[in-house]
């Protein structure tokens, strides 16, 4: 907010709600203009909307394999979200030892109401990355490290 001598100006304080009202009125006007006034057009729009809803509702009846695949993908997504939430809760609560290799999360997680079980991957112990020079790094010889050029005055 802009301040002049410690007093807030009304431009920033009242401008945003006013613009919201203008935008809302504009889109409401566009919506009203697009609504048909003819009864035949209204019936046609209603029938089209009803057919679209029926198509969406009967999609799984026409494509059972696609719905089964989608349901499996959604189940995996939910299980991963639950596992991630459990990991985050363990980290927040300071129980990082339960995330180790022998932790409680290495057991399969069963979804309620479904017989499928997805194994949860165990935490694999990894070595931390080394920052010091190794055999493949630091291959410069002392000759390479010498300054070969001294500038224009040399």
Protein backbone atom coordinates (compact mmCIF):
# COMPACT_ATOMS: atom_id res chain seq x y z
CA UNK A 1 0.00 0.00 0.00
CA UNK A 2 1.23 3.45 -0.76
CA UNK A 3 1.83 5.76 2.16
CA UNK A 4 1.94 9.52 2.16
CA UNK A 5 3.02 10.98 5.48
CA UNK A 6 1.92 7.80 7.28
CA UNK A 7 -1.58 7.77 5.73
CA UNK A 8 -2.58 4.93 3.42
CA UNK A 9 -3.96 5.97 0.09
CA UNK A 10 -7.32 4.60 -0.93
CA UNK A 11 -6.17 3.66 -4.44
CA UNK A 12 -4.66 0.30 -3.55
CA UNK A 13 -7.07 -0.44 -0.75
CA UNK A 14 -10.26 -0.09 -2.79
CA UNK A 15 -9.06 -0.81 -6.32
CA UNK A 16 -8.95 -4.60 -6.14
CA UNK A 17 -12.50 -5.20 -4.92
CA UNK A 18 -13.80 -2.72 -7.46
CA UNK A 19 -11.98 -4.48 -10.32
CA UNK A 20 -13.40 -7.78 -9.08
CA UNK A 21 -16.89 -6.32 -9.28
CA UNK A 22 -16.28 -5.01 -12.82
CA UNK A 23 -14.93 -8.38 -13.97
CA UNK A 24 -17.81 -10.26 -12.39
CA UNK A 25 -20.35 -7.94 -13.99
CA UNK A 26 -18.64 -8.32 -17.38
CA UNK A 27 -18.69 -12.13 -17.32
CA UNK A 28 -22.26 -12.18 -16.02
CA UNK A 29 -23.29 -9.92 -18.91
CA UNK A 30 -21.54 -12.23 -21.40
CA UNK A 31 -23.32 -15.23 -19.87
CA UNK A 32 -26.71 -13.51 -20.09
CA UNK A 33 -26.08 -12.56 -23.72
CA UNK A 34 -25.21 -16.16 -24.62
CA UNK A 35 -28.37 -17.65 -23.11
CA UNK A 36 -30.85 -18.21 -25.94
CA UNK A 37 -34.27 -16.61 -25.74
CA UNK A 38 -35.95 -18.90 -28.28
CA UNK A 39 -37.72 -21.88 -26.67
CA UNK A 40 -36.53 -24.22 -29.44
CA UNK A 41 -32.90 -23.27 -28.83
CA UNK A 42 -33.35 -23.69 -25.09
CA UNK A 43 -34.72 -27.21 -25.61
CA UNK A 44 -31.84 -28.01 -27.96
CA UNK A 45 -29.25 -26.82 -25.41
CA UNK A 46 -30.98 -28.79 -22.65
CA UNK A 47 -31.02 -31.94 -24.80
CA UNK A 48 -27.35 -31.52 -25.71
CA UNK A 49 -26.37 -31.09 -22.06
CA UNK A 50 -28.42 -34.13 -21.08
CA UNK A 51 -26.77 -36.24 -23.82
CA UNK A 52 -23.32 -35.12 -22.66
CA UNK A 53 -24.10 -36.13 -19.07
CA UNK A 54 -25.40 -39.52 -20.26
CA UNK A 55 -22.21 -40.07 -22.29
CA UNK A 56 -20.05 -39.33 -19.26
CA UNK A 57 -22.13 -41.57 -16.98
CA UNK A 58 -22.11 -44.54 -19.39
CA UNK A 59 -18.41 -44.26 -20.33
CA UNK A 60 -17.36 -47.20 -18.12
CA UNK A 61 -20.15 -49.37 -19.57
CA UNK A 62 -18.79 -48.79 -23.08
CA UNK A 63 -15.07 -48.96 -22.16
CA UNK A 64 -14.59 -51.32 -19.20
CA UNK A 65 -10.87 -51.89 -19.86
CA UNK A 66 -10.15 -48.16 -19.86
CA UNK A 67 -12.03 -47.69 -16.60
CA UNK A 68 -10.22 -50.64 -15.00
CA UNK A 69 -6.86 -49.18 -16.01
CA UNK A 70 -7.89 -45.77 -14.69
CA UNK A 71 -9.04 -47.30 -11.42
CA UNK A 72 -5.73 -49.14 -11.03
CA UNK A 73 -3.78 -45.96 -11.75
CA UNK A 74 -5.89 -44.03 -9.25
CA UNK A 75 -5.34 -46.75 -6.63
CA UNK A 76 -1.57 -46.55 -7.13
CA UNK A 77 -1.75 -42.76 -6.92
CA UNK A 78 -3.68 -42.93 -3.64
CA UNK A 79 -1.23 -45.46 -2.19
CA UNK A 80 1.75 -43.32 -3.15
CA UNK A 81 0.08 -40.27 -1.63
CA UNK A 82 -0.54 -42.19 1.60
CA UNK A 83 3.06 -43.40 1.69
CA UNK A 84 4.35 -39.88 1.06
CA UNK A 85 2.11 -38.48 3.79
CA UNK A 86 3.38 -41.13 6.22
CA UNK A 87 6.98 -40.25 5.34
CA UNK A 88 6.31 -36.54 5.84
CA UNK A 89 4.59 -37.16 9.16
CA UNK A 90 7.52 -39.29 10.32
CA UNK A 91 9.93 -36.52 9.35
CA UNK A 92 7.84 -33.84 11.00
CA UNK A 93 7.51 -35.85 14.19
CA UNK A 94 11.25 -36.53 14.23
CA UNK A 95 10.91 -40.27 13.74
CA UNK A 96 13.32 -40.61 10.83
CA UNK A 97 14.56 -43.96 12.10
CA UNK A 98 11.27 -45.56 10.98
CA UNK A 99 12.16 -44.65 7.41
CA UNK A 100 15.31 -46.80 7.45
CA UNK A 101 15.65 -50.18 5.72
CA UNK A 102 13.94 -52.17 8.46
CA UNK A 103 11.22 -49.60 9.07
CA UNK A 104 7.51 -50.18 9.28
CA UNK A 105 6.88 -48.90 5.74
CA UNK A 106 8.49 -51.89 3.99
CA UNK A 107 5.31 -53.91 4.40
CA UNK A 108 2.70 -53.99 1.61
CA UNK A 109 -0.12 -51.50 1.97
CA UNK A 110 -3.66 -52.81 1.42
CA UNK A 111 -6.39 -50.47 0.26
CA UNK A 112 -9.73 -50.75 2.07
CA UNK A 113 -12.43 -52.39 -0.02
CA UNK A 114 -9.98 -53.70 -2.61
CA UNK A 115 -8.11 -57.01 -2.65
CA UNK A 116 -5.10 -55.64 -4.49
CA UNK A 117 -1.90 -54.99 -2.58
CA UNK A 118 0.91 -52.82 -3.81
CA UNK A 119 4.34 -53.40 -2.27
CA UNK A 120 5.83 -50.21 -0.94
CA UNK A 121 9.48 -49.77 -1.91
CA UNK A 122 11.91 -49.94 0.98
CA UNK A 123 14.32 -47.15 1.62
CA UNK A 124 17.61 -48.13 0.02
CA UNK A 125 20.64 -47.05 2.05
CA UNK A 126 22.82 -44.84 -0.09
CA UNK A 127 26.31 -43.55 0.49
CA UNK A 128 26.52 -39.78 0.66
CA UNK A 129 28.15 -38.04 -2.27
CA UNK A 130 31.82 -37.28 -1.69
CA UNK A 131 32.96 -33.75 -2.31
CA UNK A 132 36.69 -34.38 -2.05
CA UNK A 133 38.91 -35.14 -5.05
CA UNK A 134 38.86 -38.74 -6.24
CA UNK A 135 40.98 -40.68 -8.73
CA UNK A 136 38.89 -39.48 -11.68
CA UNK A 137 38.97 -35.89 -10.50
CA UNK A 138 41.91 -33.59 -9.90
CA UNK A 139 43.78 -34.73 -13.01
CA UNK A 140 45.68 -31.45 -13.54
CA UNK A 141 49.44 -31.68 -13.30
CA UNK A 142 51.48 -28.98 -11.53
CA UNK A 143 52.48 -27.69 -14.98
CA UNK A 144 48.80 -27.27 -15.89
CA UNK A 145 48.24 -25.19 -12.77
CA UNK A 146 50.93 -22.64 -13.57
CA UNK A 147 49.74 -19.28 -14.84
CA UNK A 148 50.70 -19.19 -18.52
CA UNK A 149 49.65 -15.65 -19.27
CA UNK A 150 50.35 -12.57 -17.26
CA UNK A 151 48.39 -9.85 -19.02
CA UNK A 152 49.22 -7.13 -21.52
CA UNK A 153 52.16 -5.65 -19.58
CA UNK A 154 54.30 -8.83 -19.51
